[in-house]
Amino acid sequence: MKIDKVAGGHVNHTNLSQTAPKSPETPVRPSVSETHINTNTAAIEKAQQDMGKLPNVDMAKVEQIRSALQRGELGLDMLALSQAVMKFHTGHE
């Protein structure tokens, strides 16, 4: 490939001056209002109360099912599972 000079392609030289770099400014954090904190605390406390009302997980039952799956005593219908996942994620329930 041959590169020819282009007429009028002269670029004027500019003088660049380097100055000392600016020190980074400390970011200003917006103040959080006391009302906002109280609202978050109230929401967390309500969520903890609601969670306390949920039934406990029967870990013995979970382990029984896990063991049965590992032994091959429970089957897994991959087609039904994949269809259920698709229905859930596409909103076609």
N, C-alpha and C. Protein backbone atom coordinates (compact mmCIF):
# COMPACT_ATOMS: atom_id res chain seq x y z
N MET A 1 0.86 -1.17 0.00
CA MET A 1 0.00 0.00 0.00
C MET A 1 0.90 1.23 0.00
N LYS A 2 0.60 2.18 -0.85
CA LYS A 2 1.39 3.39 -0.97
C LYS A 2 0.62 4.56 -0.37
N ILE A 3 1.32 5.34 0.45
CA ILE A 3 0.70 6.51 1.07
C ILE A 3 1.34 7.75 0.45
N ASP A 4 0.48 8.57 -0.17
CA ASP A 4 0.96 9.81 -0.79
C ASP A 4 0.69 10.96 0.16
N LYS A 5 1.51 12.02 -0.01
CA LYS A 5 1.27 13.23 0.77
C LYS A 5 -0.02 13.87 0.29
N VAL A 6 -0.76 14.42 1.23
CA VAL A 6 -2.01 15.08 0.90
C VAL A 6 -1.75 16.58 0.89
N ALA A 7 -2.21 17.26 -0.15
CA ALA A 7 -2.01 18.71 -0.25
C ALA A 7 -2.76 19.39 0.88
N GLY A 8 -2.11 20.36 1.51
CA GLY A 8 -2.76 21.12 2.58
C GLY A 8 -2.88 20.31 3.86
N GLY A 9 -2.13 19.26 4.00
CA GLY A 9 -2.25 18.41 5.16
C GLY A 9 -1.36 18.82 6.31
N HIS A 10 -0.87 20.05 6.29
CA HIS A 10 0.02 20.51 7.34
C HIS A 10 -0.79 20.81 8.61
N VAL A 11 -0.30 20.31 9.73
CA VAL A 11 -0.96 20.55 11.02
C VAL A 11 -0.04 21.43 11.83
N ASN A 12 -0.56 22.55 12.32
CA ASN A 12 0.23 23.46 13.12
C ASN A 12 0.61 22.82 14.46
N HIS A 13 1.82 23.11 14.88
CA HIS A 13 2.29 22.59 16.15
C HIS A 13 1.71 23.43 17.28
N THR A 14 1.21 22.78 18.31
CA THR A 14 0.66 23.50 19.46
C THR A 14 1.58 23.30 20.64
N ASN A 15 1.65 24.29 21.47
CA ASN A 15 2.46 24.20 22.68
C ASN A 15 1.58 23.69 23.81
N LEU A 16 1.99 22.60 24.37
CA LEU A 16 1.24 22.05 25.50
C LEU A 16 2.05 22.32 26.75
N SER A 17 1.40 22.87 27.73
CA SER A 17 2.10 23.11 28.98
C SER A 17 1.57 22.13 30.01
N GLN A 18 2.50 21.58 30.74
CA GLN A 18 2.09 20.65 31.78
C GLN A 18 2.09 21.38 33.11
N THR A 19 1.02 21.23 33.82
CA THR A 19 0.91 21.84 35.14
C THR A 19 0.88 20.71 36.16
N ALA A 20 1.09 21.07 37.38
CA ALA A 20 1.06 20.07 38.45
C ALA A 20 -0.34 19.46 38.50
N PRO A 21 -0.39 18.14 38.69
CA PRO A 21 -1.72 17.50 38.74
C PRO A 21 -2.51 18.01 39.94
N LYS A 22 -3.80 18.13 39.71
CA LYS A 22 -4.69 18.59 40.78
C LYS A 22 -4.87 17.45 41.78
N SER A 23 -4.95 17.82 43.02
CA SER A 23 -5.20 16.79 44.04
C SER A 23 -6.67 16.41 43.95
N PRO A 24 -6.95 15.13 44.10
CA PRO A 24 -8.36 14.71 44.00
C PRO A 24 -9.17 15.32 45.13
N GLU A 25 -10.34 15.76 44.76
CA GLU A 25 -11.22 16.38 45.76
C GLU A 25 -11.92 15.28 46.54
N THR A 26 -12.12 15.53 47.79
CA THR A 26 -12.84 14.58 48.63
C THR A 26 -14.31 14.60 48.24
N PRO A 27 -14.86 13.42 47.91
CA PRO A 27 -16.27 13.42 47.51
C PRO A 27 -17.16 13.84 48.67
N VAL A 28 -18.17 14.58 48.34
CA VAL A 28 -19.10 15.05 49.35
C VAL A 28 -20.25 14.06 49.41
N ARG A 29 -20.45 13.50 50.57
CA ARG A 29 -21.54 12.54 50.74
C ARG A 29 -22.79 13.30 51.20
N PRO A 30 -23.90 12.97 50.57
CA PRO A 30 -25.12 13.63 51.04
C PRO A 30 -25.48 13.10 52.43
N SER A 31 -25.98 13.97 53.25
CA SER A 31 -26.35 13.55 54.60
C SER A 31 -27.61 12.70 54.53
N VAL A 32 -27.64 11.68 55.35
CA VAL A 32 -28.80 10.80 55.41
C VAL A 32 -29.69 11.31 56.51
N SER A 33 -30.93 11.52 56.16
CA SER A 33 -31.84 12.08 57.15
C SER A 33 -32.20 11.02 58.19
N GLU A 34 -32.49 11.48 59.36
CA GLU A 34 -32.87 10.60 60.47
C GLU A 34 -34.16 9.86 60.14
N THR A 35 -35.06 10.49 59.42
CA THR A 35 -36.32 9.86 59.03
C THR A 35 -36.06 8.66 58.14
N HIS A 36 -35.12 8.81 57.21
CA HIS A 36 -34.79 7.72 56.29
C HIS A 36 -34.24 6.53 57.06
N ILE A 37 -33.39 6.78 58.03
CA ILE A 37 -32.81 5.70 58.84
C ILE A 37 -33.91 5.01 59.64
N ASN A 38 -34.80 5.78 60.24
CA ASN A 38 -35.88 5.19 61.02
C ASN A 38 -36.81 4.35 60.15
N THR A 39 -37.04 4.79 58.93
CA THR A 39 -37.89 4.04 58.00
C THR A 39 -37.24 2.70 57.68
N ASN A 40 -35.93 2.71 57.41
CA ASN A 40 -35.23 1.46 57.10
C ASN A 40 -35.25 0.52 58.30
N THR A 41 -35.05 1.05 59.48
CA THR A 41 -35.05 0.24 60.69
C THR A 41 -36.41 -0.39 60.91
N ALA A 42 -37.46 0.39 60.70
CA ALA A 42 -38.81 -0.14 60.87
C ALA A 42 -39.10 -1.24 59.85
N ALA A 43 -38.63 -1.07 58.62
CA ALA A 43 -38.85 -2.08 57.59
C ALA A 43 -38.11 -3.37 57.94
N ILE A 44 -36.90 -3.25 58.45
CA ILE A 44 -36.13 -4.44 58.83
C ILE A 44 -36.80 -5.16 60.00
N GLU A 45 -37.27 -4.40 60.98
CA GLU A 45 -37.93 -5.02 62.12
C GLU A 45 -39.21 -5.74 61.69
N LYS A 46 -39.96 -5.14 60.78
CA LYS A 46 -41.18 -5.79 60.29
C LYS A 46 -40.84 -7.07 59.53
N ALA A 47 -39.81 -7.02 58.71
CA ALA A 47 -39.40 -8.22 57.96
C ALA A 47 -38.98 -9.33 58.92
N GLN A 48 -38.26 -8.98 59.99
CA GLN A 48 -37.85 -9.99 60.96
C GLN A 48 -39.06 -10.59 61.68
N GLN A 49 -40.05 -9.77 61.98
CA GLN A 49 -41.27 -10.28 62.61
C GLN A 49 -42.01 -11.23 61.66
N ASP A 50 -42.10 -10.83 60.39
CA ASP A 50 -42.78 -11.68 59.40
C ASP A 50 -42.05 -13.01 59.22
N MET A 51 -40.72 -12.96 59.23
CA MET A 51 -39.94 -14.19 59.09
C MET A 51 -40.14 -15.10 60.30
N GLY A 52 -40.32 -14.49 61.47
CA GLY A 52 -40.55 -15.27 62.68
C GLY A 52 -41.86 -16.04 62.63
N LYS A 53 -42.81 -15.58 61.83
CA LYS A 53 -44.11 -16.23 61.71
C LYS A 53 -44.09 -17.41 60.74
N LEU A 54 -43.03 -17.51 59.94
CA LEU A 54 -42.94 -18.59 58.97
C LEU A 54 -42.63 -19.90 59.68
N PRO A 55 -43.12 -21.01 59.11
CA PRO A 55 -42.82 -22.30 59.73
C PRO A 55 -41.34 -22.63 59.58
N ASN A 56 -40.82 -23.38 60.53
CA ASN A 56 -39.43 -23.80 60.47
C ASN A 56 -39.25 -24.86 59.39
N VAL A 57 -38.07 -24.92 58.83
CA VAL A 57 -37.76 -25.92 57.80
C VAL A 57 -37.44 -27.23 58.50
N ASP A 58 -38.10 -28.29 58.05
CA ASP A 58 -37.86 -29.62 58.60
C ASP A 58 -36.63 -30.20 57.92
N MET A 59 -35.45 -29.97 58.52
CA MET A 59 -34.20 -30.39 57.90
C MET A 59 -34.10 -31.91 57.77
N ALA A 60 -34.76 -32.66 58.65
CA ALA A 60 -34.75 -34.13 58.54
C ALA A 60 -35.46 -34.54 57.24
N LYS A 61 -36.57 -33.88 56.95
CA LYS A 61 -37.31 -34.18 55.72
C LYS A 61 -36.49 -33.79 54.49
N VAL A 62 -35.82 -32.66 54.56
CA VAL A 62 -34.96 -32.21 53.46
C VAL A 62 -33.88 -33.25 53.20
N GLU A 63 -33.27 -33.76 54.26
CA GLU A 63 -32.21 -34.76 54.11
C GLU A 63 -32.76 -36.07 53.55
N GLN A 64 -33.97 -36.46 53.93
CA GLN A 64 -34.60 -37.67 53.39
C GLN A 64 -34.79 -37.54 51.88
N ILE A 65 -35.28 -36.40 51.45
CA ILE A 65 -35.51 -36.18 50.01
C ILE A 65 -34.19 -36.12 49.27
N ARG A 66 -33.21 -35.45 49.83
CA ARG A 66 -31.88 -35.37 49.20
C ARG A 66 -31.28 -36.77 49.04
N SER A 67 -31.38 -37.58 50.07
CA SER A 67 -30.85 -38.95 50.00
C SER A 67 -31.59 -39.79 48.97
N ALA A 68 -32.90 -39.64 48.92
CA ALA A 68 -33.70 -40.39 47.94
C ALA A 68 -33.31 -40.00 46.52
N LEU A 69 -33.06 -38.71 46.29
CA LEU A 69 -32.62 -38.27 44.97
C LEU A 69 -31.26 -38.87 44.62
N GLN A 70 -30.35 -38.90 45.57
CA GLN A 70 -29.02 -39.45 45.32
C GLN A 70 -29.07 -40.95 45.05
N ARG A 71 -29.97 -41.65 45.72
CA ARG A 71 -30.10 -43.10 45.51
C ARG A 71 -30.87 -43.42 44.24
N GLY A 72 -31.47 -42.41 43.62
CA GLY A 72 -32.24 -42.65 42.40
C GLY A 72 -33.65 -43.12 42.65
N GLU A 73 -34.13 -42.97 43.87
CA GLU A 73 -35.48 -43.41 44.21
C GLU A 73 -36.53 -42.41 43.77
N LEU A 74 -36.14 -41.19 43.58
CA LEU A 74 -37.06 -40.16 43.08
C LEU A 74 -36.60 -39.75 41.69
N GLY A 75 -37.55 -39.73 40.76
CA GLY A 75 -37.21 -39.34 39.40
C GLY A 75 -37.36 -37.84 39.23
N LEU A 76 -36.73 -37.35 38.20
CA LEU A 76 -36.82 -35.93 37.89
C LEU A 76 -37.22 -35.81 36.43
N ASP A 77 -38.41 -35.27 36.20
CA ASP A 77 -38.91 -35.07 34.84
C ASP A 77 -38.34 -33.75 34.32
N MET A 78 -37.26 -33.85 33.55
CA MET A 78 -36.56 -32.65 33.07
C MET A 78 -37.45 -31.81 32.15
N LEU A 79 -38.30 -32.46 31.35
CA LEU A 79 -39.19 -31.72 30.45
C LEU A 79 -40.19 -30.89 31.26
N ALA A 80 -40.80 -31.50 32.25
CA ALA A 80 -41.77 -30.78 33.08
C ALA A 80 -41.09 -29.65 33.84
N LEU A 81 -39.88 -29.91 34.34
CA LEU A 81 -39.15 -28.87 35.05
C LEU A 81 -38.80 -27.71 34.14
N SER A 82 -38.30 -28.01 32.96
CA SER A 82 -37.91 -26.93 32.03
C SER A 82 -39.13 -26.12 31.59
N GLN A 83 -40.27 -26.80 31.38
CA GLN A 83 -41.48 -26.07 31.01
C GLN A 83 -41.95 -25.16 32.14
N ALA A 84 -41.86 -25.66 33.38
CA ALA A 84 -42.27 -24.84 34.52
C ALA A 84 -41.36 -23.63 34.66
N VAL A 85 -40.05 -23.81 34.45
CA VAL A 85 -39.11 -22.69 34.54
C VAL A 85 -39.42 -21.66 33.46
N MET A 86 -39.66 -22.13 32.25
CA MET A 86 -39.98 -21.20 31.15
C MET A 86 -41.28 -20.44 31.42
N LYS A 87 -42.29 -21.12 31.92
CA LYS A 87 -43.56 -20.44 32.24
C LYS A 87 -43.34 -19.38 33.30
N PHE A 88 -42.55 -19.72 34.31
CA PHE A 88 -42.31 -18.77 35.40
C PHE A 88 -41.57 -17.54 34.91
N HIS A 89 -40.50 -17.75 34.13
CA HIS A 89 -39.66 -16.63 33.72
C HIS A 89 -40.22 -15.82 32.55
N THR A 90 -41.19 -16.36 31.83
CA THR A 90 -41.80 -15.60 30.74
C THR A 90 -43.13 -15.00 31.15
N GLY A 91 -43.56 -15.29 32.38
CA GLY A 91 -44.81 -14.70 32.87
C GLY A 91 -46.05 -15.36 32.32
N HIS A 92 -45.95 -16.60 31.85
CA HIS A 92 -47.11 -17.31 31.30
C HIS A 92 -47.61 -18.37 32.28
N GLU A 93 -47.78 -17.98 33.51
CA GLU A 93 -48.23 -18.95 34.51
C GLU A 93 -49.73 -19.08 34.45
